[in-house]
């Protein structure tokens, strides 16, 4: 109602623009907005390797920013364990066993596939 545009209703610390001072088309050109649009390319850590990132898209980036100081870091509120992140067990698409062995998750430091 004040013309300020944010990535979402919860992330008030990231101002994308002000419609009182800019055209909406200019606000849409904000670099952070463009990165958020293509966020899968920028995600790192557990979110970057997660087999489900196309579904949740890294969830709320402001949680990663608040916890790690990096907007593209892992979402600290993710409920998946390391094996699920790596696709171990039931494959969400076909219902088949994943080809990623459990010991590969452990050998990779418990978070890398």
C-alpha atoms as a PDB file:
ATOM      1  CA  UNK A   1       0.000   0.000   0.000  1.00  0.00           C
ATOM      2  CA  UNK A   2       3.065   2.260   0.215  1.00  0.00           C
ATOM      3  CA  UNK A   3       4.431   1.317  -3.203  1.00  0.00           C
ATOM      4  CA  UNK A   4       7.302  -0.803  -1.916  1.00  0.00           C
ATOM      5  CA  UNK A   5       7.819  -4.149  -3.647  1.00  0.00           C
ATOM      6  CA  UNK A   6       9.344  -7.119  -1.808  1.00  0.00           C
ATOM      7  CA  UNK A   7      10.105 -10.704  -2.938  1.00  0.00           C
ATOM      8  CA  UNK A   8       7.218 -11.948  -0.762  1.00  0.00           C
ATOM      9  CA  UNK A   9       5.058 -10.869   2.153  1.00  0.00           C
ATOM     10  CA  UNK A  10       7.549 -12.170   4.754  1.00  0.00           C
ATOM     11  CA  UNK A  11      10.830 -10.837   3.355  1.00  0.00           C
ATOM     12  CA  UNK A  12      10.675  -7.142   4.184  1.00  0.00           C
ATOM     13  CA  UNK A  13      14.436  -6.641   4.352  1.00  0.00           C
ATOM     14  CA  UNK A  14      14.846  -7.084   0.579  1.00  0.00           C
ATOM     15  CA  UNK A  15      13.314  -4.092  -1.145  1.00  0.00           C
ATOM     16  CA  UNK A  16      13.072  -4.722  -4.897  1.00  0.00           C
ATOM     17  CA  UNK A  17      11.800  -1.263  -5.720  1.00  0.00           C
ATOM     18  CA  UNK A  18       9.306   1.497  -5.022  1.00  0.00           C
ATOM     19  CA  UNK A  19       6.380   1.993  -7.383  1.00  0.00           C
ATOM     20  CA  UNK A  20       6.088   5.627  -6.278  1.00  0.00           C
ATOM     21  CA  UNK A  21       9.550   6.265  -7.738  1.00  0.00           C
ATOM     22  CA  UNK A  22       9.917   3.611 -10.460  1.00  0.00           C
ATOM     23  CA  UNK A  23       7.942   1.998 -13.219  1.00  0.00           C
ATOM     24  CA  UNK A  24       6.832  -1.568 -12.475  1.00  0.00           C
ATOM     25  CA  UNK A  25       8.824  -2.781 -15.492  1.00  0.00           C
ATOM     26  CA  UNK A  26      11.951  -1.318 -13.874  1.00  0.00           C
ATOM     27  CA  UNK A  27      11.201  -3.049 -10.561  1.00  0.00           C
ATOM     28  CA  UNK A  28      10.951  -6.353 -12.437  1.00  0.00           C
ATOM     29  CA  UNK A  29      14.517  -5.837 -13.689  1.00  0.00           C
ATOM     30  CA  UNK A  30      15.918  -5.902 -10.135  1.00  0.00           C
ATOM     31  CA  UNK A  31      18.869  -8.354 -10.079  1.00  0.00           C
ATOM     32  CA  UNK A  32      17.611 -10.170  -6.953  1.00  0.00           C
ATOM     33  CA  UNK A  33      14.178 -10.677  -8.514  1.00  0.00           C
ATOM     34  CA  UNK A  34      15.785 -12.133 -11.627  1.00  0.00           C
ATOM     35  CA  UNK A  35      17.924 -14.465  -9.498  1.00  0.00           C
ATOM     36  CA  UNK A  36      14.897 -15.580  -7.484  1.00  0.00           C
ATOM     37  CA  UNK A  37      13.100 -16.338 -10.727  1.00  0.00           C
ATOM     38  CA  UNK A  38      15.946 -18.707 -11.687  1.00  0.00           C
ATOM     39  CA  UNK A  39      16.839 -19.702  -8.122  1.00  0.00           C
ATOM     40  CA  UNK A  40      17.726 -23.337  -8.878  1.00  0.00           C
ATOM     41  CA  UNK A  41      20.883 -22.113 -10.615  1.00  0.00           C
ATOM     42  CA  UNK A  42      22.065 -20.261  -7.497  1.00  0.00           C
ATOM     43  CA  UNK A  43      21.167 -22.649  -4.645  1.00  0.00           C
ATOM     44  CA  UNK A  44      24.122 -24.084  -2.731  1.00  0.00           C
ATOM     45  CA  UNK A  45      24.625 -26.647   0.026  1.00  0.00           C
ATOM     46  CA  UNK A  46      21.866 -29.171   0.666  1.00  0.00           C
ATOM     47  CA  UNK A  47      19.372 -27.156  -1.397  1.00  0.00           C
ATOM     48  CA  UNK A  48      21.766 -27.064  -4.347  1.00  0.00           C
ATOM     49  CA  UNK A  49      22.080 -30.861  -4.536  1.00  0.00           C
ATOM     50  CA  UNK A  50      18.552 -31.789  -3.447  1.00  0.00           C
ATOM     51  CA  UNK A  51      16.604 -34.054  -5.775  1.00  0.00           C
ATOM     52  CA  UNK A  52      13.428 -32.159  -4.823  1.00  0.00           C
ATOM     53  CA  UNK A  53      14.639 -28.619  -5.526  1.00  0.00           C
ATOM     54  CA  UNK A  54      12.387 -28.377  -8.573  1.00  0.00           C
ATOM     55  CA  UNK A  55       9.414 -28.822  -6.229  1.00  0.00           C
ATOM     56  CA  UNK A  56      10.215 -26.519  -3.292  1.00  0.00           C
ATOM     57  CA  UNK A  57      12.682 -24.299  -5.204  1.00  0.00           C
ATOM     58  CA  UNK A  58      14.743 -23.791  -2.068  1.00  0.00           C
ATOM     59  CA  UNK A  59      11.735 -22.621  -0.088  1.00  0.00           C
ATOM     60  CA  UNK A  60      12.045 -19.275   1.707  1.00  0.00           C
ATOM     61  CA  UNK A  61      15.426 -17.749   0.989  1.00  0.00           C
ATOM     62  CA  UNK A  62      15.192 -15.253   3.841  1.00  0.00           C
ATOM     63  CA  UNK A  63      15.640 -18.097   6.355  1.00  0.00           C
ATOM     64  CA  UNK A  64      18.980 -19.010   4.761  1.00  0.00           C
ATOM     65  CA  UNK A  65      19.977 -15.355   4.778  1.00  0.00           C
ATOM     66  CA  UNK A  66      19.070 -14.938   8.447  1.00  0.00           C
ATOM     67  CA  UNK A  67      20.846 -18.127   9.560  1.00  0.00           C
ATOM     68  CA  UNK A  68      23.907 -18.222   7.292  1.00  0.00           C
ATOM     69  CA  UNK A  69      24.209 -14.677   5.917  1.00  0.00           C
ATOM     70  CA  UNK A  70      23.856 -16.096   2.395  1.00  0.00           C
ATOM     71  CA  UNK A  71      20.570 -15.938   0.520  1.00  0.00           C
ATOM     72  CA  UNK A  72      21.517 -19.038  -1.548  1.00  0.00           C
ATOM     73  CA  UNK A  73      22.642 -21.266   1.352  1.00  0.00           C
ATOM     74  CA  UNK A  74      20.655 -24.266   2.571  1.00  0.00           C
ATOM     75  CA  UNK A  75      17.222 -23.585   4.066  1.00  0.00           C
ATOM     76  CA  UNK A  76      17.689 -24.271   7.804  1.00  0.00           C
ATOM     77  CA  UNK A  77      14.012 -25.211   8.132  1.00  0.00           C
ATOM     78  CA  UNK A  78      14.203 -28.082   5.619  1.00  0.00           C
ATOM     79  CA  UNK A  79      12.680 -31.240   7.125  1.00  0.00           C
ATOM     80  CA  UNK A  80      14.400 -33.706   4.779  1.00  0.00           C
ATOM     81  CA  UNK A  81      17.278 -35.823   6.032  1.00  0.00           C
ATOM     82  CA  UNK A  82      20.492 -36.251   4.044  1.00  0.00           C
ATOM     83  CA  UNK A  83      19.393 -39.535   2.462  1.00  0.00           C
ATOM     84  CA  UNK A  84      16.158 -37.936   1.247  1.00  0.00           C
ATOM     85  CA  UNK A  85      18.048 -34.912  -0.121  1.00  0.00           C
ATOM     86  CA  UNK A  86      20.204 -37.291  -2.162  1.00  0.00           C
ATOM     87  CA  UNK A  87      17.264 -39.374  -3.401  1.00  0.00           C
ATOM     88  CA  UNK A  88      17.989 -42.447  -1.285  1.00  0.00           C
ATOM     89  CA  UNK A  89      15.032 -44.799  -0.948  1.00  0.00           C
ATOM     90  CA  UNK A  90      11.768 -44.313  -2.765  1.00  0.00           C
ATOM     91  CA  UNK A  91      12.013 -42.186  -5.878  1.00  0.00           C
ATOM     92  CA  UNK A  92       9.311 -39.490  -5.685  1.00  0.00           C
ATOM     93  CA  UNK A  93       8.547 -39.662  -9.403  1.00  0.00           C
ATOM     94  CA  UNK A  94       8.497 -43.342 -10.324  1.00  0.00           C
ATOM     95  CA  UNK A  95       8.222 -45.083  -6.946  1.00  0.00           C
ATOM     96  CA  UNK A  96      11.400 -47.086  -7.653  1.00  0.00           C
ATOM     97  CA  UNK A  97      14.466 -47.486  -5.490  1.00  0.00           C
ATOM     98  CA  UNK A  98      17.063 -44.801  -6.037  1.00  0.00           C
ATOM     99  CA  UNK A  99      20.480 -45.737  -7.405  1.00  0.00           C
ATOM    100  CA  UNK A 100      22.276 -43.639  -4.748  1.00  0.00           C
ATOM    101  CA  UNK A 101      23.654 -46.064  -2.107  1.00  0.00           C
ATOM    102  CA  UNK A 102      23.377 -45.115   1.568  1.00  0.00           C
ATOM    103  CA  UNK A 103      27.138 -45.415   2.138  1.00  0.00           C
ATOM    104  CA  UNK A 104      27.704 -42.850  -0.636  1.00  0.00           C
ATOM    105  CA  UNK A 105      25.788 -40.293   1.445  1.00  0.00           C
ATOM    106  CA  UNK A 106      27.895 -41.102   4.512  1.00  0.00           C
ATOM    107  CA  UNK A 107      31.166 -41.117   2.542  1.00  0.00           C
ATOM    108  CA  UNK A 108      30.320 -37.721   1.109  1.00  0.00           C
ATOM    109  CA  UNK A 109      30.155 -36.150   4.545  1.00  0.00           C
ATOM    110  CA  UNK A 110      26.518 -36.868   5.342  1.00  0.00           C
ATOM    111  CA  UNK A 111      25.192 -34.073   3.172  1.00  0.00           C
ATOM    112  CA  UNK A 112      26.664 -34.443  -0.249  1.00  0.00           C
ATOM    113  CA  UNK A 113      25.412 -37.036  -2.680  1.00  0.00           C
END
